[in-house]
Amino acid sequence: MLQGHLLDINGRPLSPFMVGDSAYPLHSWLVKPYPRNSSLSSQQKTYNYRMSRACIVSENAFVQLKASWCRLAKQNDMDVKRVPYVVDACCILHNICVITGY
């Protein structure tokens, strides 16, 4: 989903990535915190703190989406292949509502 896409951030091409907690396996497109059971440097602790904040923002976004679009909050019998399109549509509609103040 994210592979092959580059974002220009301050003139530097960067690959987008997703944030996840320690339960997820590490991938080139997924970043996760350092394990807490190891002795961490101050930089690693700062990284973990910022990762935690990013995960909270992401979780809050899903809470808002599920509250606005009932289709996302309930189990349904939709074909799994259609799920990404429905989620994309809900995100787009949510952004339109935010922009227009609805």
N, C-alpha and C. Protein backbone atom coordinates (compact mmCIF):
# COMPACT_ATOMS: atom_id res chain seq x y z
N MET A 1 0.83 -1.19 0.00
CA MET A 1 0.00 0.00 0.00
C MET A 1 0.87 1.26 0.00
N LEU A 2 1.93 1.28 0.78
CA LEU A 2 2.76 2.48 0.88
C LEU A 2 4.01 2.39 0.03
N GLN A 3 4.34 1.21 -0.45
CA GLN A 3 5.57 1.04 -1.19
C GLN A 3 5.51 1.74 -2.54
N GLY A 4 6.60 2.36 -2.92
CA GLY A 4 6.68 3.03 -4.20
C GLY A 4 6.22 4.47 -4.19
N HIS A 5 5.66 4.92 -3.08
CA HIS A 5 5.22 6.31 -2.97
C HIS A 5 6.26 7.09 -2.18
N LEU A 6 6.62 8.25 -2.67
CA LEU A 6 7.56 9.12 -1.96
C LEU A 6 6.89 10.45 -1.66
N LEU A 7 7.18 10.96 -0.49
CA LEU A 7 6.70 12.28 -0.10
C LEU A 7 7.87 13.24 -0.10
N ASP A 8 7.65 14.46 -0.53
CA ASP A 8 8.69 15.48 -0.50
C ASP A 8 8.52 16.28 0.79
N ILE A 9 9.45 16.09 1.72
CA ILE A 9 9.43 16.81 3.00
C ILE A 9 10.67 17.69 3.05
N ASN A 10 10.45 19.00 2.96
CA ASN A 10 11.56 19.96 2.97
C ASN A 10 12.62 19.63 1.92
N GLY A 11 12.16 19.24 0.73
CA GLY A 11 13.08 18.96 -0.37
C GLY A 11 13.74 17.59 -0.31
N ARG A 12 13.34 16.76 0.65
CA ARG A 12 13.92 15.42 0.77
C ARG A 12 12.84 14.38 0.50
N PRO A 13 13.11 13.46 -0.43
CA PRO A 13 12.12 12.41 -0.69
C PRO A 13 12.13 11.38 0.44
N LEU A 14 10.98 11.15 1.04
CA LEU A 14 10.86 10.18 2.12
C LEU A 14 9.72 9.22 1.83
N SER A 15 9.94 7.97 2.18
CA SER A 15 8.88 6.97 2.05
C SER A 15 7.93 7.10 3.22
N PRO A 16 6.63 7.04 2.97
CA PRO A 16 5.68 7.07 4.09
C PRO A 16 5.76 5.77 4.88
N PHE A 17 5.31 5.81 6.10
CA PHE A 17 5.34 4.62 6.94
C PHE A 17 4.16 4.66 7.89
N MET A 18 3.92 3.54 8.52
CA MET A 18 2.86 3.44 9.52
C MET A 18 3.51 3.23 10.88
N VAL A 19 2.81 3.65 11.92
CA VAL A 19 3.31 3.44 13.28
C VAL A 19 2.52 2.30 13.91
N GLY A 20 3.20 1.52 14.71
CA GLY A 20 2.54 0.42 15.40
C GLY A 20 3.16 0.23 16.78
N ASP A 21 2.47 -0.51 17.62
CA ASP A 21 3.05 -0.77 18.93
C ASP A 21 3.92 -2.02 18.88
N SER A 22 4.44 -2.41 20.02
CA SER A 22 5.42 -3.49 20.05
C SER A 22 4.84 -4.85 19.66
N ALA A 23 3.53 -4.98 19.60
CA ALA A 23 2.91 -6.25 19.24
C ALA A 23 3.10 -6.58 17.76
N TYR A 24 3.37 -5.58 16.93
CA TYR A 24 3.48 -5.79 15.50
C TYR A 24 4.91 -6.15 15.12
N PRO A 25 5.07 -6.97 14.06
CA PRO A 25 6.42 -7.26 13.57
C PRO A 25 6.97 -6.05 12.82
N LEU A 26 8.26 -5.90 12.84
CA LEU A 26 8.91 -4.78 12.16
C LEU A 26 8.93 -5.03 10.65
N HIS A 27 8.56 -4.03 9.88
CA HIS A 27 8.60 -4.07 8.41
C HIS A 27 9.25 -2.78 7.93
N SER A 28 9.59 -2.74 6.64
CA SER A 28 10.19 -1.52 6.08
C SER A 28 9.21 -0.36 6.10
N TRP A 29 7.91 -0.64 6.13
CA TRP A 29 6.87 0.39 6.10
C TRP A 29 6.22 0.61 7.46
N LEU A 30 6.69 -0.11 8.49
CA LEU A 30 6.10 -0.01 9.82
C LEU A 30 7.20 0.27 10.84
N VAL A 31 7.03 1.33 11.60
CA VAL A 31 7.98 1.61 12.68
C VAL A 31 7.30 1.33 14.01
N LYS A 32 8.09 0.89 14.97
CA LYS A 32 7.56 0.54 16.28
C LYS A 32 8.57 0.93 17.35
N PRO A 33 8.15 0.97 18.60
CA PRO A 33 9.06 1.41 19.66
C PRO A 33 10.14 0.38 19.97
N TYR A 34 11.18 0.87 20.65
CA TYR A 34 12.20 -0.02 21.17
C TYR A 34 11.59 -0.84 22.30
N PRO A 35 12.04 -2.10 22.47
CA PRO A 35 11.51 -2.91 23.58
C PRO A 35 11.81 -2.25 24.92
N ARG A 36 10.84 -2.28 25.81
CA ARG A 36 11.00 -1.64 27.12
C ARG A 36 11.81 -2.48 28.09
N ASN A 37 12.02 -3.74 27.78
CA ASN A 37 12.76 -4.59 28.69
C ASN A 37 14.27 -4.44 28.57
N SER A 38 14.71 -3.59 27.65
CA SER A 38 16.15 -3.34 27.51
C SER A 38 16.48 -1.97 28.09
N SER A 39 17.75 -1.78 28.39
CA SER A 39 18.16 -0.46 28.89
C SER A 39 18.23 0.48 27.69
N LEU A 40 17.46 1.54 27.75
CA LEU A 40 17.34 2.45 26.61
C LEU A 40 18.14 3.72 26.85
N SER A 41 18.70 4.25 25.79
CA SER A 41 19.38 5.54 25.85
C SER A 41 18.31 6.63 25.95
N SER A 42 18.72 7.83 26.25
CA SER A 42 17.75 8.94 26.33
C SER A 42 17.12 9.19 24.96
N GLN A 43 17.89 9.01 23.88
CA GLN A 43 17.33 9.18 22.54
C GLN A 43 16.28 8.12 22.24
N GLN A 44 16.53 6.89 22.66
CA GLN A 44 15.57 5.82 22.44
C GLN A 44 14.30 6.05 23.27
N LYS A 45 14.46 6.55 24.49
CA LYS A 45 13.30 6.86 25.33
C LYS A 45 12.47 7.97 24.70
N THR A 46 13.15 8.98 24.16
CA THR A 46 12.44 10.08 23.48
C THR A 46 11.71 9.55 22.25
N TYR A 47 12.37 8.69 21.49
CA TYR A 47 11.75 8.07 20.32
C TYR A 47 10.49 7.30 20.74
N ASN A 48 10.61 6.48 21.79
CA ASN A 48 9.46 5.71 22.27
C ASN A 48 8.32 6.62 22.70
N TYR A 49 8.64 7.72 23.37
CA TYR A 49 7.61 8.66 23.80
C TYR A 49 6.89 9.25 22.59
N ARG A 50 7.64 9.66 21.60
CA ARG A 50 7.03 10.25 20.40
C ARG A 50 6.24 9.21 19.61
N MET A 51 6.72 7.98 19.59
CA MET A 51 5.96 6.90 18.94
C MET A 51 4.64 6.69 19.67
N SER A 52 4.69 6.73 20.99
CA SER A 52 3.48 6.57 21.80
C SER A 52 2.46 7.66 21.48
N ARG A 53 2.94 8.89 21.37
CA ARG A 53 2.05 10.02 21.03
C ARG A 53 1.45 9.83 19.63
N ALA A 54 2.26 9.37 18.68
CA ALA A 54 1.76 9.14 17.32
C ALA A 54 0.70 8.04 17.32
N CYS A 55 0.90 6.99 18.10
CA CYS A 55 -0.09 5.91 18.19
C CYS A 55 -1.40 6.42 18.78
N ILE A 56 -1.30 7.30 19.78
CA ILE A 56 -2.50 7.87 20.39
C ILE A 56 -3.29 8.69 19.37
N VAL A 57 -2.58 9.50 18.58
CA VAL A 57 -3.24 10.28 17.53
C VAL A 57 -3.94 9.35 16.54
N SER A 58 -3.25 8.29 16.15
CA SER A 58 -3.83 7.33 15.21
C SER A 58 -5.06 6.64 15.80
N GLU A 59 -4.96 6.21 17.05
CA GLU A 59 -6.10 5.56 17.71
C GLU A 59 -7.29 6.51 17.82
N ASN A 60 -7.02 7.77 18.15
CA ASN A 60 -8.10 8.76 18.24
C ASN A 60 -8.77 8.98 16.89
N ALA A 61 -7.98 8.95 15.82
CA ALA A 61 -8.55 9.10 14.48
C ALA A 61 -9.51 7.95 14.17
N PHE A 62 -9.13 6.74 14.54
CA PHE A 62 -10.02 5.60 14.30
C PHE A 62 -11.28 5.69 15.15
N VAL A 63 -11.15 6.17 16.38
CA VAL A 63 -12.32 6.35 17.23
C VAL A 63 -13.29 7.34 16.57
N GLN A 64 -12.76 8.46 16.07
CA GLN A 64 -13.60 9.45 15.40
C GLN A 64 -14.26 8.87 14.15
N LEU A 65 -13.49 8.13 13.36
CA LEU A 65 -14.05 7.53 12.15
C LEU A 65 -15.18 6.55 12.48
N LYS A 66 -14.94 5.70 13.48
CA LYS A 66 -15.96 4.72 13.86
C LYS A 66 -17.20 5.41 14.43
N ALA A 67 -17.02 6.53 15.12
CA ALA A 67 -18.16 7.26 15.67
C ALA A 67 -18.97 7.93 14.56
N SER A 68 -18.29 8.39 13.52
CA SER A 68 -18.96 9.09 12.42
C SER A 68 -19.58 8.16 11.39
N TRP A 69 -18.97 7.03 11.18
CA TRP A 69 -19.40 6.13 10.11
C TRP A 69 -19.68 4.76 10.70
N CYS A 70 -20.95 4.50 10.95
CA CYS A 70 -21.39 3.25 11.61
C CYS A 70 -20.88 2.01 10.88
N ARG A 71 -20.71 2.12 9.59
CA ARG A 71 -20.25 0.98 8.79
C ARG A 71 -18.92 0.45 9.31
N LEU A 72 -18.08 1.32 9.87
CA LEU A 72 -16.77 0.91 10.37
C LEU A 72 -16.83 0.35 11.78
N ALA A 73 -17.88 0.66 12.51
CA ALA A 73 -17.96 0.27 13.92
C ALA A 73 -18.57 -1.11 14.13
N LYS A 74 -19.23 -1.63 13.13
CA LYS A 74 -19.94 -2.90 13.29
C LYS A 74 -19.33 -3.97 12.39
N GLN A 75 -19.46 -5.20 12.85
CA GLN A 75 -19.04 -6.31 12.01
C GLN A 75 -20.04 -6.42 10.86
N ASN A 76 -19.54 -6.66 9.67
CA ASN A 76 -20.46 -6.80 8.54
C ASN A 76 -19.99 -7.90 7.61
N ASP A 77 -20.80 -8.21 6.65
CA ASP A 77 -20.49 -9.31 5.73
C ASP A 77 -19.93 -8.83 4.40
N MET A 78 -19.32 -7.66 4.42
CA MET A 78 -18.74 -7.08 3.20
C MET A 78 -17.58 -7.95 2.71
N ASP A 79 -17.42 -8.02 1.41
CA ASP A 79 -16.29 -8.71 0.81
C ASP A 79 -15.00 -8.03 1.28
N VAL A 80 -14.06 -8.81 1.75
CA VAL A 80 -12.81 -8.28 2.30
C VAL A 80 -12.08 -7.39 1.28
N LYS A 81 -12.21 -7.69 0.01
CA LYS A 81 -11.54 -6.89 -1.02
C LYS A 81 -12.07 -5.47 -1.08
N ARG A 82 -13.30 -5.26 -0.60
CA ARG A 82 -13.92 -3.93 -0.65
C ARG A 82 -13.57 -3.07 0.57
N VAL A 83 -13.09 -3.69 1.64
CA VAL A 83 -12.84 -2.97 2.89
C VAL A 83 -11.92 -1.77 2.70
N PRO A 84 -10.78 -1.89 2.01
CA PRO A 84 -9.92 -0.69 1.85
C PRO A 84 -10.64 0.47 1.17
N TYR A 85 -11.51 0.17 0.21
CA TYR A 85 -12.25 1.23 -0.48
C TYR A 85 -13.25 1.91 0.44
N VAL A 86 -13.89 1.12 1.28
CA VAL A 86 -14.86 1.69 2.23
C VAL A 86 -14.13 2.56 3.25
N VAL A 87 -13.01 2.08 3.76
CA VAL A 87 -12.23 2.87 4.73
C VAL A 87 -11.74 4.15 4.07
N ASP A 88 -11.21 4.05 2.85
CA ASP A 88 -10.76 5.26 2.13
C ASP A 88 -11.91 6.25 1.96
N ALA A 89 -13.08 5.76 1.56
CA ALA A 89 -14.23 6.64 1.36
C ALA A 89 -14.62 7.32 2.67
N CYS A 90 -14.62 6.58 3.77
CA CYS A 90 -14.96 7.17 5.07
C CYS A 90 -13.93 8.23 5.47
N CYS A 91 -12.66 7.97 5.21
CA CYS A 91 -11.62 8.96 5.52
C CYS A 91 -11.81 10.23 4.69
N ILE A 92 -12.10 10.07 3.41
CA ILE A 92 -12.32 11.23 2.54
C ILE A 92 -13.53 12.02 2.99
N LEU A 93 -14.63 11.32 3.28
CA LEU A 93 -15.83 12.01 3.75
C LEU A 93 -15.58 12.70 5.09
N HIS A 94 -14.84 12.06 5.97
CA HIS A 94 -14.50 12.66 7.26
C HIS A 94 -13.71 13.96 7.05
N ASN A 95 -12.72 13.91 6.15
CA ASN A 95 -11.91 15.11 5.88
C ASN A 95 -12.77 16.23 5.30
N ILE A 96 -13.70 15.88 4.42
CA ILE A 96 -14.60 16.90 3.86
C ILE A 96 -15.42 17.52 4.98
N CYS A 97 -15.93 16.70 5.89
CA CYS A 97 -16.71 17.23 7.02
C CYS A 97 -15.88 18.15 7.90
N VAL A 98 -14.63 17.78 8.15
CA VAL A 98 -13.75 18.62 8.98
C VAL A 98 -13.48 19.95 8.28
N ILE A 99 -13.15 19.89 6.99
CA ILE A 99 -12.83 21.10 6.23
C ILE A 99 -14.02 22.05 6.15
N THR A 100 -15.21 21.49 5.95
CA THR A 100 -16.40 22.34 5.79
C THR A 100 -17.05 22.69 7.12
N GLY A 101 -16.54 22.13 8.21
CA GLY A 101 -17.08 22.44 9.53
C GLY A 101 -18.39 21.75 9.82
N TYR A 102 -18.67 20.67 9.13
CA TYR A 102 -19.92 19.95 9.33
C TYR A 102 -19.84 19.06 10.55
